[in-house]
Amino acid sequence: MTRGTMIERPASNLHTVFLPALCWSRRQPDFYAVTQDLSRTGITFRSASDPAVNEPLTCSIRYIGQVEARVVSSGDNQFVVRLMASRQRAAEVARTMLALAREQGRTFESARAHPRINPARKDVLVTLEDGRVLPGRLINVSSSGAALAIDHTLSRGASITIGDTAAKVVRVFRDGIGAAFAFPLDPGQVHAGIRL
């Protein structure tokens, strides 16, 4: 696998936007990713997979749809892509992502006080209040909570247990939730090898 150095970009040109995605290529079967930001350089994703530089990818991004892209940098569980699309389609994607970034910025950024990590072990069991146990997939974890993909509709305010960690659903998005832990974790516990 060819890996490149992550491109440094001025913060003023970054627009933070978190959208779940499913990506794939000829070399790599389906893998999950989450958009991190949009800039003139391209779209940055966080993922357990590090696709190769210059690798063509197809990504299905929530609220955006399917896009064809080429990897321009990769490493440290991040990769940046540039769209391989008409100017009209690229502009449409950029407008939608910028609108979502503004909406998310108003809703979430002020509430996030703890850095998030991308855990190595993503599969987790989620226990509901009624005792049912469902499979989930961690998107990211911080000392105050976690985002996870789950194939079940949950309500805001629902009490759940993620692995062995008590939490409450604070955010609901299509195919997933954001949950706040009942008792925040020690920041030293929050690393790629974390097990909830």
N, C-alpha and C. Protein backbone atom coordinates (compact mmCIF):
# COMPACT_ATOMS: atom_id res chain seq x y z
N MET A 1 0.84 -1.17 0.00
CA MET A 1 0.00 0.00 0.00
C MET A 1 0.89 1.24 0.00
N THR A 2 0.61 2.15 -0.90
CA THR A 2 1.34 3.40 -0.94
C THR A 2 0.68 4.36 0.03
N ARG A 3 1.49 4.98 0.87
CA ARG A 3 0.94 5.93 1.83
C ARG A 3 1.65 7.26 1.64
N GLY A 4 0.93 8.34 1.84
CA GLY A 4 1.51 9.66 1.70
C GLY A 4 1.42 10.42 2.99
N THR A 5 2.01 11.56 3.01
CA THR A 5 1.97 12.42 4.18
C THR A 5 0.68 13.21 4.15
N MET A 6 0.07 13.35 5.28
CA MET A 6 -1.15 14.15 5.35
C MET A 6 -0.81 15.60 4.99
N ILE A 7 -1.68 16.21 4.24
CA ILE A 7 -1.46 17.57 3.77
C ILE A 7 -1.87 18.55 4.86
N GLU A 8 -0.99 19.48 5.17
CA GLU A 8 -1.31 20.52 6.16
C GLU A 8 -2.14 21.59 5.47
N ARG A 9 -3.25 21.97 6.10
CA ARG A 9 -4.12 22.98 5.52
C ARG A 9 -4.42 24.05 6.56
N PRO A 10 -4.46 25.32 6.16
CA PRO A 10 -4.79 26.36 7.12
C PRO A 10 -6.18 26.14 7.70
N ALA A 11 -6.33 26.32 9.00
CA ALA A 11 -7.61 26.09 9.67
C ALA A 11 -8.72 26.96 9.10
N SER A 12 -8.39 28.16 8.60
CA SER A 12 -9.42 29.05 8.08
C SER A 12 -10.08 28.49 6.83
N ASN A 13 -9.40 27.57 6.13
CA ASN A 13 -9.97 26.99 4.92
C ASN A 13 -10.71 25.68 5.19
N LEU A 14 -10.75 25.25 6.44
CA LEU A 14 -11.41 24.00 6.80
C LEU A 14 -12.85 24.25 7.22
N HIS A 15 -13.72 23.37 6.78
CA HIS A 15 -15.12 23.40 7.19
C HIS A 15 -15.42 22.03 7.78
N THR A 16 -15.55 21.96 9.10
CA THR A 16 -15.77 20.69 9.78
C THR A 16 -17.18 20.19 9.51
N VAL A 17 -17.28 18.94 9.07
CA VAL A 17 -18.58 18.32 8.82
C VAL A 17 -18.44 16.81 9.00
N PHE A 18 -19.30 16.24 9.83
CA PHE A 18 -19.24 14.81 10.13
C PHE A 18 -20.42 14.10 9.48
N LEU A 19 -20.11 13.27 8.50
CA LEU A 19 -21.13 12.49 7.81
C LEU A 19 -20.64 11.06 7.65
N PRO A 20 -21.44 10.07 8.03
CA PRO A 20 -21.02 8.69 7.85
C PRO A 20 -20.97 8.34 6.37
N ALA A 21 -20.06 7.45 6.02
CA ALA A 21 -19.89 7.05 4.63
C ALA A 21 -19.49 5.59 4.55
N LEU A 22 -19.79 4.99 3.42
CA LEU A 22 -19.32 3.65 3.09
C LEU A 22 -18.52 3.80 1.80
N CYS A 23 -17.26 3.37 1.83
CA CYS A 23 -16.39 3.52 0.66
C CYS A 23 -15.93 2.14 0.19
N TRP A 24 -15.52 2.06 -1.07
CA TRP A 24 -14.98 0.82 -1.62
C TRP A 24 -14.17 1.12 -2.87
N SER A 25 -13.35 0.15 -3.24
CA SER A 25 -12.54 0.24 -4.46
C SER A 25 -12.34 -1.17 -4.99
N ARG A 26 -11.66 -1.28 -6.12
CA ARG A 26 -11.35 -2.62 -6.66
C ARG A 26 -10.46 -3.39 -5.70
N ARG A 27 -9.55 -2.67 -5.04
CA ARG A 27 -8.58 -3.31 -4.15
C ARG A 27 -9.14 -3.58 -2.77
N GLN A 28 -10.10 -2.78 -2.36
CA GLN A 28 -10.56 -2.83 -0.98
C GLN A 28 -12.09 -2.98 -0.94
N PRO A 29 -12.59 -4.00 -0.23
CA PRO A 29 -14.05 -4.13 -0.11
C PRO A 29 -14.61 -3.00 0.74
N ASP A 30 -15.91 -3.01 0.92
CA ASP A 30 -16.58 -1.97 1.70
C ASP A 30 -15.88 -1.69 3.02
N PHE A 31 -15.68 -0.41 3.32
CA PHE A 31 -15.17 -0.02 4.64
C PHE A 31 -15.87 1.27 5.06
N TYR A 32 -16.05 1.40 6.37
CA TYR A 32 -16.72 2.57 6.92
C TYR A 32 -15.75 3.72 7.08
N ALA A 33 -16.27 4.93 6.90
CA ALA A 33 -15.49 6.15 7.09
C ALA A 33 -16.46 7.24 7.56
N VAL A 34 -15.91 8.30 8.09
CA VAL A 34 -16.70 9.46 8.50
C VAL A 34 -15.99 10.69 7.97
N THR A 35 -16.73 11.57 7.29
CA THR A 35 -16.09 12.80 6.83
C THR A 35 -15.65 13.60 8.05
N GLN A 36 -14.54 14.30 7.91
CA GLN A 36 -14.03 15.12 9.01
C GLN A 36 -14.11 16.59 8.64
N ASP A 37 -13.68 16.91 7.42
CA ASP A 37 -13.76 18.29 6.99
C ASP A 37 -13.71 18.39 5.48
N LEU A 38 -14.03 19.59 5.00
CA LEU A 38 -14.02 19.93 3.59
C LEU A 38 -13.10 21.13 3.43
N SER A 39 -12.23 21.09 2.43
CA SER A 39 -11.34 22.23 2.15
C SER A 39 -11.08 22.27 0.65
N ARG A 40 -10.29 23.25 0.22
CA ARG A 40 -9.91 23.32 -1.19
C ARG A 40 -9.10 22.09 -1.60
N THR A 41 -8.43 21.47 -0.65
CA THR A 41 -7.63 20.27 -0.92
C THR A 41 -8.52 19.08 -1.24
N GLY A 42 -9.68 19.00 -0.60
CA GLY A 42 -10.60 17.89 -0.82
C GLY A 42 -11.41 17.59 0.42
N ILE A 43 -11.93 16.38 0.47
CA ILE A 43 -12.72 15.93 1.61
C ILE A 43 -11.84 15.01 2.45
N THR A 44 -11.71 15.31 3.74
CA THR A 44 -10.94 14.46 4.65
C THR A 44 -11.90 13.50 5.34
N PHE A 45 -11.50 12.23 5.36
CA PHE A 45 -12.25 11.18 6.05
C PHE A 45 -11.40 10.62 7.17
N ARG A 46 -12.05 10.14 8.22
CA ARG A 46 -11.40 9.33 9.25
C ARG A 46 -11.92 7.92 9.07
N SER A 47 -11.01 6.94 9.17
CA SER A 47 -11.40 5.55 8.98
C SER A 47 -10.33 4.64 9.53
N ALA A 48 -10.71 3.43 9.88
CA ALA A 48 -9.73 2.42 10.28
C ALA A 48 -8.92 1.97 9.08
N SER A 49 -9.44 2.19 7.87
CA SER A 49 -8.74 1.83 6.64
C SER A 49 -7.97 3.03 6.12
N ASP A 50 -6.77 2.78 5.62
CA ASP A 50 -5.97 3.83 4.98
C ASP A 50 -5.79 3.44 3.52
N PRO A 51 -6.66 3.93 2.61
CA PRO A 51 -6.50 3.58 1.20
C PRO A 51 -5.22 4.17 0.63
N ALA A 52 -4.75 3.61 -0.47
CA ALA A 52 -3.49 4.04 -1.08
C ALA A 52 -3.66 5.38 -1.80
N VAL A 53 -2.59 6.19 -1.78
CA VAL A 53 -2.57 7.44 -2.54
C VAL A 53 -2.77 7.11 -4.01
N ASN A 54 -3.56 7.90 -4.70
CA ASN A 54 -3.95 7.76 -6.11
C ASN A 54 -4.98 6.66 -6.34
N GLU A 55 -5.41 5.98 -5.29
CA GLU A 55 -6.42 4.93 -5.45
C GLU A 55 -7.78 5.56 -5.75
N PRO A 56 -8.46 5.10 -6.80
CA PRO A 56 -9.83 5.58 -7.04
C PRO A 56 -10.78 4.91 -6.05
N LEU A 57 -11.67 5.69 -5.47
CA LEU A 57 -12.65 5.18 -4.51
C LEU A 57 -14.05 5.59 -4.94
N THR A 58 -15.01 4.79 -4.55
CA THR A 58 -16.41 5.18 -4.62
C THR A 58 -16.86 5.29 -3.17
N CYS A 59 -17.49 6.41 -2.83
CA CYS A 59 -17.98 6.61 -1.46
C CYS A 59 -19.44 7.01 -1.51
N SER A 60 -20.22 6.37 -0.68
CA SER A 60 -21.62 6.75 -0.50
C SER A 60 -21.69 7.51 0.82
N ILE A 61 -21.88 8.83 0.72
CA ILE A 61 -21.83 9.72 1.88
C ILE A 61 -23.26 10.12 2.25
N ARG A 62 -23.59 9.99 3.53
CA ARG A 62 -24.92 10.36 4.01
C ARG A 62 -25.26 11.78 3.58
N TYR A 63 -26.46 11.98 3.06
CA TYR A 63 -27.01 13.25 2.59
C TYR A 63 -26.38 13.75 1.29
N ILE A 64 -25.30 13.13 0.84
CA ILE A 64 -24.62 13.57 -0.38
C ILE A 64 -24.91 12.60 -1.52
N GLY A 65 -24.88 11.32 -1.20
CA GLY A 65 -25.05 10.29 -2.23
C GLY A 65 -23.71 9.70 -2.62
N GLN A 66 -23.71 9.01 -3.74
CA GLN A 66 -22.51 8.31 -4.19
C GLN A 66 -21.62 9.26 -4.99
N VAL A 67 -20.32 9.24 -4.68
CA VAL A 67 -19.34 10.06 -5.40
C VAL A 67 -18.14 9.20 -5.79
N GLU A 68 -17.55 9.56 -6.91
CA GLU A 68 -16.29 8.94 -7.35
C GLU A 68 -15.18 9.91 -6.96
N ALA A 69 -14.10 9.37 -6.41
CA ALA A 69 -13.02 10.24 -5.92
C ALA A 69 -11.67 9.54 -6.08
N ARG A 70 -10.60 10.32 -5.92
CA ARG A 70 -9.24 9.78 -5.95
C ARG A 70 -8.55 10.22 -4.67
N VAL A 71 -7.84 9.29 -4.02
CA VAL A 71 -7.13 9.57 -2.78
C VAL A 71 -5.90 10.43 -3.08
N VAL A 72 -5.77 11.58 -2.39
CA VAL A 72 -4.61 12.45 -2.60
C VAL A 72 -3.62 12.38 -1.44
N SER A 73 -4.06 11.91 -0.27
CA SER A 73 -3.14 11.65 0.83
C SER A 73 -3.80 10.66 1.77
N SER A 74 -2.95 9.93 2.52
CA SER A 74 -3.47 8.87 3.37
C SER A 74 -2.49 8.57 4.49
N GLY A 75 -3.01 8.28 5.67
CA GLY A 75 -2.17 7.88 6.79
C GLY A 75 -2.79 8.26 8.11
N ASP A 76 -2.37 7.59 9.17
CA ASP A 76 -2.84 7.88 10.53
C ASP A 76 -4.37 7.84 10.64
N ASN A 77 -4.98 6.87 10.01
CA ASN A 77 -6.43 6.68 10.05
C ASN A 77 -7.21 7.86 9.48
N GLN A 78 -6.57 8.57 8.54
CA GLN A 78 -7.22 9.65 7.81
C GLN A 78 -6.85 9.51 6.35
N PHE A 79 -7.74 9.95 5.48
CA PHE A 79 -7.37 10.07 4.07
C PHE A 79 -8.14 11.24 3.47
N VAL A 80 -7.55 11.84 2.44
CA VAL A 80 -8.15 12.98 1.75
C VAL A 80 -8.42 12.57 0.32
N VAL A 81 -9.62 12.91 -0.18
CA VAL A 81 -9.96 12.61 -1.57
C VAL A 81 -10.32 13.88 -2.31
N ARG A 82 -10.12 13.82 -3.62
CA ARG A 82 -10.64 14.84 -4.53
C ARG A 82 -11.70 14.18 -5.38
N LEU A 83 -12.79 14.88 -5.59
CA LEU A 83 -13.88 14.32 -6.39
C LEU A 83 -13.48 14.22 -7.85
N MET A 84 -13.90 13.15 -8.48
CA MET A 84 -13.75 12.99 -9.93
C MET A 84 -15.17 13.15 -10.49
N ALA A 85 -15.58 14.42 -10.63
CA ALA A 85 -16.95 14.72 -11.03
C ALA A 85 -16.96 15.98 -11.87
N SER A 86 -18.08 16.22 -12.52
CA SER A 86 -18.23 17.46 -13.28
C SER A 86 -18.18 18.64 -12.31
N ARG A 87 -17.90 19.82 -12.83
CA ARG A 87 -17.88 21.01 -11.97
C ARG A 87 -19.23 21.22 -11.29
N GLN A 88 -20.29 20.95 -12.05
CA GLN A 88 -21.64 21.13 -11.50
C GLN A 88 -21.86 20.18 -10.32
N ARG A 89 -21.51 18.91 -10.47
CA ARG A 89 -21.70 17.94 -9.38
C ARG A 89 -20.79 18.27 -8.20
N ALA A 90 -19.52 18.64 -8.48
CA ALA A 90 -18.59 18.99 -7.40
C ALA A 90 -19.11 20.21 -6.62
N ALA A 91 -19.65 21.20 -7.33
CA ALA A 91 -20.19 22.39 -6.67
C ALA A 91 -21.42 22.03 -5.83
N GLU A 92 -22.24 21.13 -6.34
CA GLU A 92 -23.43 20.68 -5.60
C GLU A 92 -23.02 19.97 -4.31
N VAL A 93 -22.01 19.09 -4.40
CA VAL A 93 -21.51 18.39 -3.22
C VAL A 93 -20.95 19.40 -2.21
N ALA A 94 -20.15 20.35 -2.70
CA ALA A 94 -19.55 21.36 -1.81
C ALA A 94 -20.63 22.19 -1.12
N ARG A 95 -21.63 22.64 -1.87
CA ARG A 95 -22.72 23.45 -1.28
C ARG A 95 -23.45 22.67 -0.19
N THR A 96 -23.76 21.42 -0.48
CA THR A 96 -24.48 20.60 0.50
C THR A 96 -23.64 20.38 1.75
N MET A 97 -22.36 20.05 1.55
CA MET A 97 -21.48 19.81 2.71
C MET A 97 -21.28 21.08 3.53
N LEU A 98 -21.15 22.22 2.87
CA LEU A 98 -20.99 23.49 3.60
C LEU A 98 -22.25 23.81 4.40
N ALA A 99 -23.42 23.57 3.82
CA ALA A 99 -24.67 23.81 4.54
C ALA A 99 -24.77 22.89 5.75
N LEU A 100 -24.40 21.63 5.58
CA LEU A 100 -24.42 20.68 6.70
C LEU A 100 -23.39 21.07 7.76
N ALA A 101 -22.23 21.57 7.32
CA ALA A 101 -21.19 22.01 8.27
C ALA A 101 -21.71 23.17 9.12
N ARG A 102 -22.39 24.12 8.48
CA ARG A 102 -22.95 25.25 9.23
C ARG A 102 -24.00 24.76 10.23
N GLU A 103 -24.86 23.86 9.78
CA GLU A 103 -25.90 23.32 10.66
C GLU A 103 -25.29 22.56 11.84
N GLN A 104 -24.32 21.70 11.55
CA GLN A 104 -23.66 20.94 12.62
C GLN A 104 -22.90 21.87 13.55
N GLY A 105 -22.27 22.89 13.00
CA GLY A 105 -21.51 23.83 13.81
C GLY A 105 -22.38 24.50 14.85
N ARG A 106 -23.58 24.88 14.43
CA ARG A 106 -24.52 25.51 15.38
C ARG A 106 -24.99 24.51 16.43
N THR A 107 -25.16 23.26 16.02
CA THR A 107 -25.76 22.27 16.90
C THR A 107 -24.76 21.61 17.83
N PHE A 108 -23.58 21.22 17.29
CA PHE A 108 -22.72 20.32 18.04
C PHE A 108 -21.42 20.91 18.56
N GLU A 109 -20.77 21.78 17.82
CA GLU A 109 -19.39 22.13 18.15
C GLU A 109 -19.23 22.73 19.53
N SER A 110 -20.18 23.57 19.95
CA SER A 110 -20.03 24.19 21.27
C SER A 110 -20.16 23.16 22.38
N ALA A 111 -20.84 22.05 22.11
CA ALA A 111 -21.05 21.04 23.14
C ALA A 111 -19.90 20.03 23.24
N ARG A 112 -18.98 20.02 22.28
CA ARG A 112 -17.90 19.03 22.28
C ARG A 112 -16.66 19.60 22.95
N ALA A 113 -16.42 19.15 24.16
CA ALA A 113 -15.27 19.66 24.91
C ALA A 113 -14.12 18.67 24.95
N HIS A 114 -14.34 17.44 24.48
CA HIS A 114 -13.32 16.41 24.58
C HIS A 114 -12.93 15.90 23.19
N PRO A 115 -11.63 15.69 22.96
CA PRO A 115 -11.19 15.17 21.66
C PRO A 115 -11.71 13.76 21.44
N ARG A 116 -12.01 13.45 20.18
CA ARG A 116 -12.52 12.13 19.82
C ARG A 116 -11.42 11.29 19.19
N ILE A 117 -11.51 9.98 19.39
CA ILE A 117 -10.55 9.06 18.78
C ILE A 117 -11.34 8.04 17.94
N ASN A 118 -10.62 7.42 17.03
CA ASN A 118 -11.17 6.39 16.18
C ASN A 118 -10.71 5.05 16.74
N PRO A 119 -11.57 4.30 17.44
CA PRO A 119 -11.12 3.07 18.11
C PRO A 119 -10.76 1.96 17.13
N ALA A 120 -9.77 1.15 17.50
CA ALA A 120 -9.36 0.02 16.66
C ALA A 120 -10.45 -1.06 16.67
N ARG A 121 -11.04 -1.31 17.83
CA ARG A 121 -12.13 -2.29 17.95
C ARG A 121 -13.45 -1.55 17.81
N LYS A 122 -14.08 -1.68 16.67
CA LYS A 122 -15.29 -0.91 16.40
C LYS A 122 -16.57 -1.65 16.78
N ASP A 123 -16.57 -2.97 16.66
CA ASP A 123 -17.78 -3.73 16.96
C ASP A 123 -18.07 -3.72 18.45
N VAL A 124 -19.33 -3.45 18.81
CA VAL A 124 -19.71 -3.34 20.21
C VAL A 124 -21.17 -3.80 20.36
N LEU A 125 -21.51 -4.31 21.52
CA LEU A 125 -22.89 -4.67 21.81
C LEU A 125 -23.56 -3.54 22.58
N VAL A 126 -24.79 -3.23 22.20
CA VAL A 126 -25.56 -2.16 22.83
C VAL A 126 -26.77 -2.79 23.51
N THR A 127 -26.88 -2.61 24.82
CA THR A 127 -28.00 -3.15 25.58
C THR A 127 -29.02 -2.04 25.80
N LEU A 128 -30.27 -2.32 25.43
CA LEU A 128 -31.35 -1.36 25.58
C LEU A 128 -31.99 -1.49 26.96
N GLU A 129 -32.82 -0.51 27.32
CA GLU A 129 -33.49 -0.51 28.63
C GLU A 129 -34.32 -1.77 28.85
N ASP A 130 -34.91 -2.31 27.77
CA ASP A 130 -35.76 -3.50 27.90
C ASP A 130 -34.97 -4.80 27.90
N GLY A 131 -33.64 -4.70 27.88
CA GLY A 131 -32.80 -5.89 27.95
C GLY A 131 -32.35 -6.44 26.61
N ARG A 132 -32.94 -5.95 25.51
CA ARG A 132 -32.50 -6.42 24.19
C ARG A 132 -31.06 -5.98 23.96
N VAL A 133 -30.32 -6.84 23.26
CA VAL A 133 -28.92 -6.55 22.94
C VAL A 133 -28.79 -6.48 21.43
N LEU A 134 -28.23 -5.37 20.94
CA LEU A 134 -28.08 -5.14 19.51
C LEU A 134 -26.62 -4.93 19.15
N PRO A 135 -26.21 -5.36 17.95
CA PRO A 135 -24.85 -5.06 17.52
C PRO A 135 -24.74 -3.60 17.08
N GLY A 136 -23.63 -2.98 17.40
CA GLY A 136 -23.36 -1.62 16.97
C GLY A 136 -21.93 -1.52 16.46
N ARG A 137 -21.62 -0.40 15.82
CA ARG A 137 -20.27 -0.18 15.30
C ARG A 137 -19.85 1.23 15.70
N LEU A 138 -18.79 1.33 16.51
CA LEU A 138 -18.31 2.63 16.97
C LEU A 138 -17.77 3.46 15.81
N ILE A 139 -18.15 4.72 15.77
CA ILE A 139 -17.61 5.66 14.79
C ILE A 139 -16.46 6.42 15.43
N ASN A 140 -16.71 6.93 16.65
CA ASN A 140 -15.65 7.59 17.41
C ASN A 140 -16.02 7.59 18.89
N VAL A 141 -15.01 7.85 19.73
CA VAL A 141 -15.20 7.84 21.18
C VAL A 141 -14.43 9.01 21.78
N SER A 142 -15.01 9.65 22.79
CA SER A 142 -14.30 10.66 23.58
C SER A 142 -14.51 10.30 25.04
N SER A 143 -13.95 11.08 25.94
CA SER A 143 -14.14 10.76 27.35
C SER A 143 -15.58 11.02 27.80
N SER A 144 -16.33 11.82 27.02
CA SER A 144 -17.70 12.13 27.42
C SER A 144 -18.76 11.32 26.69
N GLY A 145 -18.40 10.63 25.60
CA GLY A 145 -19.42 9.88 24.88
C GLY A 145 -18.89 9.20 23.64
N ALA A 146 -19.82 8.69 22.83
CA ALA A 146 -19.45 7.96 21.62
C ALA A 146 -20.51 8.16 20.55
N ALA A 147 -20.08 8.05 19.31
CA ALA A 147 -21.00 8.00 18.18
C ALA A 147 -20.91 6.59 17.62
N LEU A 148 -22.06 6.02 17.30
CA LEU A 148 -22.02 4.68 16.74
C LEU A 148 -23.13 4.45 15.74
N ALA A 149 -22.83 3.59 14.78
CA ALA A 149 -23.81 3.16 13.80
C ALA A 149 -24.57 1.99 14.42
N ILE A 150 -25.88 2.04 14.31
CA ILE A 150 -26.71 0.97 14.87
C ILE A 150 -27.94 0.83 13.99
N ASP A 151 -28.30 -0.40 13.69
CA ASP A 151 -29.41 -0.67 12.78
C ASP A 151 -30.71 -0.83 13.57
N HIS A 152 -31.05 0.20 14.34
CA HIS A 152 -32.26 0.18 15.15
C HIS A 152 -32.58 1.63 15.51
N THR A 153 -33.83 1.99 15.48
CA THR A 153 -34.22 3.36 15.82
C THR A 153 -34.30 3.52 17.33
N LEU A 154 -33.54 4.46 17.85
CA LEU A 154 -33.57 4.78 19.28
C LEU A 154 -34.02 6.23 19.44
N SER A 155 -34.59 6.53 20.59
CA SER A 155 -35.07 7.89 20.86
C SER A 155 -34.05 8.66 21.68
N ARG A 156 -34.03 9.98 21.47
CA ARG A 156 -33.20 10.83 22.32
C ARG A 156 -33.65 10.65 23.76
N GLY A 157 -32.67 10.56 24.65
CA GLY A 157 -32.98 10.40 26.06
C GLY A 157 -33.02 8.95 26.52
N ALA A 158 -32.99 8.00 25.57
CA ALA A 158 -33.03 6.58 25.94
C ALA A 158 -31.76 6.19 26.68
N SER A 159 -31.91 5.42 27.75
CA SER A 159 -30.75 4.90 28.49
C SER A 159 -30.29 3.61 27.82
N ILE A 160 -28.99 3.49 27.56
CA ILE A 160 -28.42 2.32 26.92
C ILE A 160 -27.12 1.97 27.62
N THR A 161 -26.60 0.79 27.32
CA THR A 161 -25.27 0.41 27.78
C THR A 161 -24.47 0.03 26.55
N ILE A 162 -23.34 0.71 26.35
CA ILE A 162 -22.45 0.43 25.22
C ILE A 162 -21.33 -0.43 25.76
N GLY A 163 -21.32 -1.71 25.38
CA GLY A 163 -20.38 -2.64 26.02
C GLY A 163 -20.77 -2.74 27.48
N ASP A 164 -19.89 -2.28 28.38
CA ASP A 164 -20.19 -2.25 29.82
C ASP A 164 -20.37 -0.82 30.33
N THR A 165 -20.50 0.15 29.42
CA THR A 165 -20.51 1.56 29.79
C THR A 165 -21.92 2.15 29.66
N ALA A 166 -22.47 2.63 30.77
CA ALA A 166 -23.81 3.23 30.77
C ALA A 166 -23.78 4.56 30.03
N ALA A 167 -24.83 4.81 29.24
CA ALA A 167 -24.89 6.04 28.45
C ALA A 167 -26.34 6.42 28.19
N LYS A 168 -26.51 7.64 27.67
CA LYS A 168 -27.83 8.14 27.30
C LYS A 168 -27.73 8.68 25.88
N VAL A 169 -28.73 8.38 25.05
CA VAL A 169 -28.76 8.86 23.67
C VAL A 169 -29.02 10.37 23.68
N VAL A 170 -28.10 11.15 23.09
CA VAL A 170 -28.26 12.60 23.06
C VAL A 170 -28.44 13.13 21.64
N ARG A 171 -28.14 12.29 20.65
CA ARG A 171 -28.24 12.71 19.26
C ARG A 171 -28.65 11.50 18.44
N VAL A 172 -29.56 11.70 17.50
CA VAL A 172 -30.01 10.62 16.62
C VAL A 172 -29.80 11.07 15.19
N PHE A 173 -29.16 10.23 14.39
CA PHE A 173 -29.02 10.49 12.96
C PHE A 173 -29.36 9.20 12.24
N ARG A 174 -29.57 9.28 10.93
CA ARG A 174 -29.96 8.09 10.19
C ARG A 174 -28.92 7.00 10.37
N ASP A 175 -29.34 5.83 10.81
CA ASP A 175 -28.48 4.67 11.03
C ASP A 175 -27.49 4.83 12.16
N GLY A 176 -27.73 5.77 13.08
CA GLY A 176 -26.78 5.89 14.17
C GLY A 176 -27.23 6.83 15.27
N ILE A 177 -26.38 6.90 16.31
CA ILE A 177 -26.68 7.75 17.46
C ILE A 177 -25.40 8.37 18.01
N GLY A 178 -25.57 9.44 18.77
CA GLY A 178 -24.52 9.99 19.61
C GLY A 178 -24.98 9.77 21.04
N ALA A 179 -24.11 9.25 21.89
CA ALA A 179 -24.48 8.95 23.27
C ALA A 179 -23.50 9.60 24.23
N ALA A 180 -24.02 10.12 25.34
CA ALA A 180 -23.18 10.69 26.41
C ALA A 180 -23.07 9.64 27.51
N PHE A 181 -21.85 9.39 27.96
CA PHE A 181 -21.64 8.42 29.03
C PHE A 181 -22.23 8.96 30.34
N ALA A 182 -22.80 8.05 31.14
CA ALA A 182 -23.37 8.43 32.44
C ALA A 182 -22.27 9.00 33.34
N PHE A 183 -21.08 8.42 33.25
CA PHE A 183 -19.92 8.89 34.01
C PHE A 183 -18.77 9.05 33.02
N PRO A 184 -18.28 10.28 32.80
CA PRO A 184 -17.21 10.48 31.83
C PRO A 184 -16.00 9.61 32.13
N LEU A 185 -15.35 9.15 31.08
CA LEU A 185 -14.14 8.34 31.22
C LEU A 185 -12.96 9.23 31.56
N ASP A 186 -11.98 8.67 32.22
CA ASP A 186 -10.72 9.37 32.44
C ASP A 186 -10.09 9.57 31.06
N PRO A 187 -9.64 10.78 30.72
CA PRO A 187 -9.05 11.01 29.40
C PRO A 187 -7.91 10.04 29.07
N GLY A 188 -7.21 9.53 30.08
CA GLY A 188 -6.14 8.56 29.85
C GLY A 188 -6.64 7.23 29.34
N GLN A 189 -7.94 6.94 29.56
CA GLN A 189 -8.54 5.70 29.07
C GLN A 189 -8.89 5.78 27.59
N VAL A 190 -8.95 6.99 27.05
CA VAL A 190 -9.43 7.18 25.69
C VAL A 190 -8.26 7.11 24.72
N HIS A 191 -8.11 5.97 24.09
CA HIS A 191 -7.04 5.73 23.11
C HIS A 191 -7.56 4.72 22.10
N ALA A 192 -6.82 4.48 21.04
CA ALA A 192 -7.28 3.61 19.95
C ALA A 192 -7.63 2.20 20.43
N GLY A 193 -7.00 1.72 21.49
CA GLY A 193 -7.26 0.37 21.98
C GLY A 193 -8.40 0.28 22.99
N ILE A 194 -9.17 1.35 23.16
CA ILE A 194 -10.23 1.38 24.18
C ILE A 194 -11.25 0.27 23.94
N ARG A 195 -11.73 -0.30 25.06
CA ARG A 195 -12.83 -1.27 25.03
C ARG A 195 -13.87 -0.77 26.02
N LEU A 196 -15.05 -0.49 25.53
CA LEU A 196 -16.11 0.02 26.40
C LEU A 196 -16.79 -1.13 27.14
